[in-house]
Amino acid sequence: MHTTEFTVTGMTCGNCENHVREEVGEVPGVRVLEVSAASGLLRVESEAQLDVAVVIAAVDEAGYEATAV
């Protein structure tokens, strides 16, 4: 299992977390994801190494900005 972490800016509440969860959950290969508006962290687990740019694009689609940690 591969784990990749991101810092997400712009999230302020649980609804924000849900938007990120929905979009990143659509990325092929994502098995588990945890997102926290309080800490601004997104943790993604996948079977194979994910393309970081694809996850960042999914977060962007949700309306937020992400950078790999």
PDB file of N, CA and C in Angstrom:
ATOM      1  N   MET A   1       0.852  -1.176   0.000  1.00  0.00           N
ATOM      2  CA  MET A   1       0.000   0.000   0.000  1.00  0.00           C
ATOM      3  C   MET A   1       0.899   1.241   0.000  1.00  0.00           C
ATOM      4  N   HIS A   2       0.594   2.195  -0.856  1.00  0.00           N
ATOM      5  CA  HIS A   2       1.328   3.457  -0.937  1.00  0.00           C
ATOM      6  C   HIS A   2       0.511   4.552  -0.260  1.00  0.00           C
ATOM      7  N   THR A   3       1.192   5.401   0.493  1.00  0.00           N
ATOM      8  CA  THR A   3       0.537   6.521   1.159  1.00  0.00           C
ATOM      9  C   THR A   3       1.151   7.821   0.663  1.00  0.00           C
ATOM     10  N   THR A   4       0.302   8.755   0.295  1.00  0.00           N
ATOM     11  CA  THR A   4       0.737  10.075  -0.141  1.00  0.00           C
ATOM     12  C   THR A   4      -0.037  11.101   0.669  1.00  0.00           C
ATOM     13  N   GLU A   5       0.665  12.127   1.154  1.00  0.00           N
ATOM     14  CA  GLU A   5       0.012  13.173   1.941  1.00  0.00           C
ATOM     15  C   GLU A   5       0.089  14.509   1.226  1.00  0.00           C
ATOM     16  N   PHE A   6      -0.944  15.303   1.431  1.00  0.00           N
ATOM     17  CA  PHE A   6      -1.062  16.612   0.803  1.00  0.00           C
ATOM     18  C   PHE A   6      -1.500  17.633   1.839  1.00  0.00           C
ATOM     19  N   THR A   7      -1.097  18.867   1.636  1.00  0.00           N
ATOM     20  CA  THR A   7      -1.624  19.992   2.391  1.00  0.00           C
ATOM     21  C   THR A   7      -2.692  20.624   1.510  1.00  0.00           C
ATOM     22  N   VAL A   8      -3.876  20.819   2.079  1.00  0.00           N
ATOM     23  CA  VAL A   8      -4.985  21.404   1.327  1.00  0.00           C
ATOM     24  C   VAL A   8      -5.337  22.745   1.968  1.00  0.00           C
ATOM     25  N   THR A   9      -5.396  23.780   1.148  1.00  0.00           N
ATOM     26  CA  THR A   9      -5.749  25.102   1.653  1.00  0.00           C
ATOM     27  C   THR A   9      -7.162  25.472   1.216  1.00  0.00           C
ATOM     28  N   GLY A  10      -7.832  26.218   2.075  1.00  0.00           N
ATOM     29  CA  GLY A  10      -9.163  26.711   1.756  1.00  0.00           C
ATOM     30  C   GLY A  10     -10.293  25.964   2.433  1.00  0.00           C
ATOM     31  N   MET A  11     -10.023  24.816   3.031  1.00  0.00           N
ATOM     32  CA  MET A  11     -11.079  24.061   3.714  1.00  0.00           C
ATOM     33  C   MET A  11     -11.347  24.687   5.080  1.00  0.00           C
ATOM     34  N   THR A  12     -12.637  24.813   5.413  1.00  0.00           N
ATOM     35  CA  THR A  12     -12.983  25.407   6.705  1.00  0.00           C
ATOM     36  C   THR A  12     -13.970  24.569   7.514  1.00  0.00           C
ATOM     37  N   CYS A  13     -14.561  23.535   6.904  1.00  0.00           N
ATOM     38  CA  CYS A  13     -15.620  22.801   7.610  1.00  0.00           C
ATOM     39  C   CYS A  13     -15.767  21.374   7.085  1.00  0.00           C
ATOM     40  N   GLY A  14     -16.682  20.658   7.692  1.00  0.00           N
ATOM     41  CA  GLY A  14     -16.947  19.286   7.277  1.00  0.00           C
ATOM     42  C   GLY A  14     -17.478  19.193   5.862  1.00  0.00           C
ATOM     43  N   ASN A  15     -18.229  20.182   5.434  1.00  0.00           N
ATOM     44  CA  ASN A  15     -18.738  20.188   4.072  1.00  0.00           C
ATOM     45  C   ASN A  15     -17.577  20.285   3.070  1.00  0.00           C
ATOM     46  N   CYS A  16     -16.576  21.075   3.411  1.00  0.00           N
ATOM     47  CA  CYS A  16     -15.375  21.175   2.579  1.00  0.00           C
ATOM     48  C   CYS A  16     -14.698  19.807   2.477  1.00  0.00           C
ATOM     49  N   GLU A  17     -14.583  19.136   3.621  1.00  0.00           N
ATOM     50  CA  GLU A  17     -13.985  17.799   3.634  1.00  0.00           C
ATOM     51  C   GLU A  17     -14.749  16.858   2.709  1.00  0.00           C
ATOM     52  N   ASN A  18     -16.080  16.939   2.743  1.00  0.00           N
ATOM     53  CA  ASN A  18     -16.890  16.073   1.888  1.00  0.00           C
ATOM     54  C   ASN A  18     -16.646  16.331   0.414  1.00  0.00           C
ATOM     55  N   HIS A  19     -16.500  17.593   0.020  1.00  0.00           N
ATOM     56  CA  HIS A  19     -16.227  17.924  -1.383  1.00  0.00           C
ATOM     57  C   HIS A  19     -14.902  17.297  -1.827  1.00  0.00           C
ATOM     58  N   VAL A  20     -13.886  17.433  -0.990  1.00  0.00           N
ATOM     59  CA  VAL A  20     -12.574  16.860  -1.314  1.00  0.00           C
ATOM     60  C   VAL A  20     -12.680  15.334  -1.360  1.00  0.00           C
ATOM     61  N   ARG A  21     -13.352  14.749  -0.378  1.00  0.00           N
ATOM     62  CA  ARG A  21     -13.518  13.296  -0.311  1.00  0.00           C
ATOM     63  C   ARG A  21     -14.198  12.756  -1.575  1.00  0.00           C
ATOM     64  N   GLU A  22     -15.237  13.435  -2.023  1.00  0.00           N
ATOM     65  CA  GLU A  22     -15.968  13.005  -3.223  1.00  0.00           C
ATOM     66  C   GLU A  22     -15.082  13.029  -4.458  1.00  0.00           C
ATOM     67  N   GLU A  23     -14.363  14.125  -4.666  1.00  0.00           N
ATOM     68  CA  GLU A  23     -13.541  14.263  -5.872  1.00  0.00           C
ATOM     69  C   GLU A  23     -12.334  13.326  -5.852  1.00  0.00           C
ATOM     70  N   VAL A  24     -11.614  13.285  -4.749  1.00  0.00           N
ATOM     71  CA  VAL A  24     -10.418  12.436  -4.675  1.00  0.00           C
ATOM     72  C   VAL A  24     -10.823  10.968  -4.689  1.00  0.00           C
ATOM     73  N   GLY A  25     -11.976  10.648  -4.142  1.00  0.00           N
ATOM     74  CA  GLY A  25     -12.470   9.275  -4.156  1.00  0.00           C
ATOM     75  C   GLY A  25     -12.715   8.736  -5.545  1.00  0.00           C
ATOM     76  N   GLU A  26     -12.859   9.626  -6.525  1.00  0.00           N
ATOM     77  CA  GLU A  26     -13.065   9.232  -7.921  1.00  0.00           C
ATOM     78  C   GLU A  26     -11.753   8.889  -8.641  1.00  0.00           C
ATOM     79  N   VAL A  27     -10.625   9.236  -8.048  1.00  0.00           N
ATOM     80  CA  VAL A  27      -9.326   8.973  -8.686  1.00  0.00           C
ATOM     81  C   VAL A  27      -9.091   7.469  -8.700  1.00  0.00           C
ATOM     82  N   PRO A  28      -8.823   6.897  -9.885  1.00  0.00           N
ATOM     83  CA  PRO A  28      -8.579   5.458  -9.969  1.00  0.00           C
ATOM     84  C   PRO A  28      -7.405   5.028  -9.089  1.00  0.00           C
ATOM     85  N   GLY A  29      -7.626   3.961  -8.342  1.00  0.00           N
ATOM     86  CA  GLY A  29      -6.568   3.418  -7.501  1.00  0.00           C
ATOM     87  C   GLY A  29      -6.646   3.832  -6.048  1.00  0.00           C
ATOM     88  N   VAL A  30      -7.410   4.886  -5.735  1.00  0.00           N
ATOM     89  CA  VAL A  30      -7.529   5.334  -4.339  1.00  0.00           C
ATOM     90  C   VAL A  30      -8.335   4.301  -3.559  1.00  0.00           C
ATOM     91  N   ARG A  31      -7.768   3.818  -2.466  1.00  0.00           N
ATOM     92  CA  ARG A  31      -8.437   2.821  -1.627  1.00  0.00           C
ATOM     93  C   ARG A  31      -8.960   3.433  -0.328  1.00  0.00           C
ATOM     94  N   VAL A  32      -8.157   4.305   0.275  1.00  0.00           N
ATOM     95  CA  VAL A  32      -8.519   4.929   1.541  1.00  0.00           C
ATOM     96  C   VAL A  32      -8.099   6.388   1.473  1.00  0.00           C
ATOM     97  N   LEU A  33      -8.938   7.265   1.998  1.00  0.00           N
ATOM     98  CA  LEU A  33      -8.509   8.654   2.104  1.00  0.00           C
ATOM     99  C   LEU A  33      -9.054   9.254   3.379  1.00  0.00           C
ATOM    100  N   GLU A  34      -8.234  10.093   3.974  1.00  0.00           N
ATOM    101  CA  GLU A  34      -8.602  10.819   5.179  1.00  0.00           C
ATOM    102  C   GLU A  34      -8.340  12.291   4.903  1.00  0.00           C
ATOM    103  N   VAL A  35      -9.296  13.125   5.260  1.00  0.00           N
ATOM    104  CA  VAL A  35      -9.141  14.562   5.039  1.00  0.00           C
ATOM    105  C   VAL A  35      -9.616  15.306   6.280  1.00  0.00           C
ATOM    106  N   SER A  36      -8.886  16.361   6.657  1.00  0.00           N
ATOM    107  CA  SER A  36      -9.224  17.139   7.844  1.00  0.00           C
ATOM    108  C   SER A  36      -9.131  18.629   7.539  1.00  0.00           C
ATOM    109  N   ALA A  37     -10.261  19.309   7.687  1.00  0.00           N
ATOM    110  CA  ALA A  37     -10.253  20.763   7.519  1.00  0.00           C
ATOM    111  C   ALA A  37      -9.466  21.417   8.648  1.00  0.00           C
ATOM    112  N   ALA A  38      -9.513  20.830   9.843  1.00  0.00           N
ATOM    113  CA  ALA A  38      -8.826  21.397  11.000  1.00  0.00           C
ATOM    114  C   ALA A  38      -7.315  21.436  10.805  1.00  0.00           C
ATOM    115  N   SER A  39      -6.754  20.360  10.271  1.00  0.00           N
ATOM    116  CA  SER A  39      -5.304  20.296  10.086  1.00  0.00           C
ATOM    117  C   SER A  39      -4.877  20.683   8.672  1.00  0.00           C
ATOM    118  N   GLY A  40      -5.826  20.656   7.724  1.00  0.00           N
ATOM    119  CA  GLY A  40      -5.497  20.954   6.333  1.00  0.00           C
ATOM    120  C   GLY A  40      -4.759  19.823   5.643  1.00  0.00           C
ATOM    121  N   LEU A  41      -4.876  18.606   6.186  1.00  0.00           N
ATOM    122  CA  LEU A  41      -4.159  17.472   5.611  1.00  0.00           C
ATOM    123  C   LEU A  41      -5.089  16.511   4.893  1.00  0.00           C
ATOM    124  N   LEU A  42      -4.577  15.966   3.806  1.00  0.00           N
ATOM    125  CA  LEU A  42      -5.240  14.913   3.039  1.00  0.00           C
ATOM    126  C   LEU A  42      -4.265  13.754   2.947  1.00  0.00           C
ATOM    127  N   ARG A  43      -4.695  12.568   3.368  1.00  0.00           N
ATOM    128  CA  ARG A  43      -3.865  11.369   3.317  1.00  0.00           C
ATOM    129  C   ARG A  43      -4.562  10.375   2.405  1.00  0.00           C
ATOM    130  N   VAL A  44      -3.844   9.913   1.377  1.00  0.00           N
ATOM    131  CA  VAL A  44      -4.419   9.020   0.381  1.00  0.00           C
ATOM    132  C   VAL A  44      -3.620   7.722   0.362  1.00  0.00           C
ATOM    133  N   GLU A  45      -4.329   6.600   0.435  1.00  0.00           N
ATOM    134  CA  GLU A  45      -3.688   5.293   0.313  1.00  0.00           C
ATOM    135  C   GLU A  45      -4.152   4.649  -0.982  1.00  0.00           C
ATOM    136  N   SER A  46      -3.217   3.987  -1.660  1.00  0.00           N
ATOM    137  CA  SER A  46      -3.522   3.344  -2.930  1.00  0.00           C
ATOM    138  C   SER A  46      -2.683   2.083  -3.075  1.00  0.00           C
ATOM    139  N   GLU A  47      -3.140   1.181  -3.942  1.00  0.00           N
ATOM    140  CA  GLU A  47      -2.398  -0.052  -4.205  1.00  0.00           C
ATOM    141  C   GLU A  47      -1.067   0.251  -4.897  1.00  0.00           C
ATOM    142  N   ALA A  48      -1.117   1.130  -5.891  1.00  0.00           N
ATOM    143  CA  ALA A  48       0.078   1.525  -6.644  1.00  0.00           C
ATOM    144  C   ALA A  48       0.331   3.007  -6.420  1.00  0.00           C
ATOM    145  N   GLN A  49       1.530   3.448  -6.731  1.00  0.00           N
ATOM    146  CA  GLN A  49       1.872   4.869  -6.596  1.00  0.00           C
ATOM    147  C   GLN A  49       0.948   5.696  -7.484  1.00  0.00           C
ATOM    148  N   LEU A  50       0.320   6.706  -6.911  1.00  0.00           N
ATOM    149  CA  LEU A  50      -0.577   7.581  -7.660  1.00  0.00           C
ATOM    150  C   LEU A  50       0.187   8.718  -8.320  1.00  0.00           C
ATOM    151  N   ASP A  51      -0.358   9.222  -9.409  1.00  0.00           N
ATOM    152  CA  ASP A  51       0.162  10.423 -10.039  1.00  0.00           C
ATOM    153  C   ASP A  51      -0.302  11.603  -9.175  1.00  0.00           C
ATOM    154  N   VAL A  52       0.636  12.260  -8.527  1.00  0.00           N
ATOM    155  CA  VAL A  52       0.326  13.369  -7.617  1.00  0.00           C
ATOM    156  C   VAL A  52      -0.490  14.436  -8.335  1.00  0.00           C
ATOM    157  N   ALA A  53      -0.186  14.702  -9.590  1.00  0.00           N
ATOM    158  CA  ALA A  53      -0.893  15.739 -10.348  1.00  0.00           C
ATOM    159  C   ALA A  53      -2.375  15.419 -10.493  1.00  0.00           C
ATOM    160  N   VAL A  54      -2.723  14.136 -10.576  1.00  0.00           N
ATOM    161  CA  VAL A  54      -4.127  13.739 -10.710  1.00  0.00           C
ATOM    162  C   VAL A  54      -4.875  14.021  -9.407  1.00  0.00           C
ATOM    163  N   VAL A  55      -4.261  13.737  -8.283  1.00  0.00           N
ATOM    164  CA  VAL A  55      -4.892  14.014  -6.988  1.00  0.00           C
ATOM    165  C   VAL A  55      -5.033  15.522  -6.795  1.00  0.00           C
ATOM    166  N   ILE A  56      -4.002  16.270  -7.128  1.00  0.00           N
ATOM    167  CA  ILE A  56      -4.060  17.734  -7.003  1.00  0.00           C
ATOM    168  C   ILE A  56      -5.166  18.296  -7.892  1.00  0.00           C
ATOM    169  N   ALA A  57      -5.325  17.748  -9.099  1.00  0.00           N
ATOM    170  CA  ALA A  57      -6.387  18.197  -9.997  1.00  0.00           C
ATOM    171  C   ALA A  57      -7.768  17.888  -9.413  1.00  0.00           C
ATOM    172  N   ALA A  58      -7.908  16.752  -8.739  1.00  0.00           N
ATOM    173  CA  ALA A  58      -9.189  16.396  -8.113  1.00  0.00           C
ATOM    174  C   ALA A  58      -9.512  17.364  -6.981  1.00  0.00           C
ATOM    175  N   VAL A  59      -8.515  17.717  -6.195  1.00  0.00           N
ATOM    176  CA  VAL A  59      -8.726  18.694  -5.112  1.00  0.00           C
ATOM    177  C   VAL A  59      -9.104  20.046  -5.713  1.00  0.00           C
ATOM    178  N   ASP A  60      -8.448  20.423  -6.802  1.00  0.00           N
ATOM    179  CA  ASP A  60      -8.763  21.673  -7.499  1.00  0.00           C
ATOM    180  C   ASP A  60     -10.214  21.650  -7.989  1.00  0.00           C
ATOM    181  N   GLU A  61     -10.642  20.527  -8.505  1.00  0.00           N
ATOM    182  CA  GLU A  61     -12.019  20.371  -8.988  1.00  0.00           C
ATOM    183  C   GLU A  61     -13.017  20.573  -7.836  1.00  0.00           C
ATOM    184  N   ALA A  62     -12.615  20.190  -6.635  1.00  0.00           N
ATOM    185  CA  ALA A  62     -13.463  20.372  -5.457  1.00  0.00           C
ATOM    186  C   ALA A  62     -13.480  21.828  -4.995  1.00  0.00           C
ATOM    187  N   GLY A  63     -12.559  22.642  -5.521  1.00  0.00           N
ATOM    188  CA  GLY A  63     -12.541  24.068  -5.193  1.00  0.00           C
ATOM    189  C   GLY A  63     -11.459  24.482  -4.210  1.00  0.00           C
ATOM    190  N   TYR A  64     -10.445  23.630  -4.029  1.00  0.00           N
ATOM    191  CA  TYR A  64      -9.379  23.907  -3.072  1.00  0.00           C
ATOM    192  C   TYR A  64      -8.026  23.701  -3.728  1.00  0.00           C
ATOM    193  N   GLU A  65      -6.969  24.079  -3.039  1.00  0.00           N
ATOM    194  CA  GLU A  65      -5.618  23.908  -3.570  1.00  0.00           C
ATOM    195  C   GLU A  65      -4.860  22.905  -2.710  1.00  0.00           C
ATOM    196  N   ALA A  66      -4.089  22.052  -3.382  1.00  0.00           N
ATOM    197  CA  ALA A  66      -3.313  21.039  -2.655  1.00  0.00           C
ATOM    198  C   ALA A  66      -1.870  21.041  -3.131  1.00  0.00           C
ATOM    199  N   THR A  67      -0.986  20.700  -2.220  1.00  0.00           N
ATOM    200  CA  THR A  67       0.415  20.468  -2.551  1.00  0.00           C
ATOM    201  C   THR A  67       0.852  19.202  -1.839  1.00  0.00           C
ATOM    202  N   ALA A  68       1.683  18.409  -2.511  1.00  0.00           N
ATOM    203  CA  ALA A  68       2.196  17.189  -1.901  1.00  0.00           C
ATOM    204  C   ALA A  68       3.134  17.544  -0.767  1.00  0.00           C
ATOM    205  N   VAL A  69       3.070  16.772   0.299  1.00  0.00           N
ATOM    206  CA  VAL A  69       3.936  17.008   1.473  1.00  0.00           C
ATOM    207  C   VAL A  69       5.222  16.235   1.273  1.00  0.00           C
TER     208      VAL A  69
END
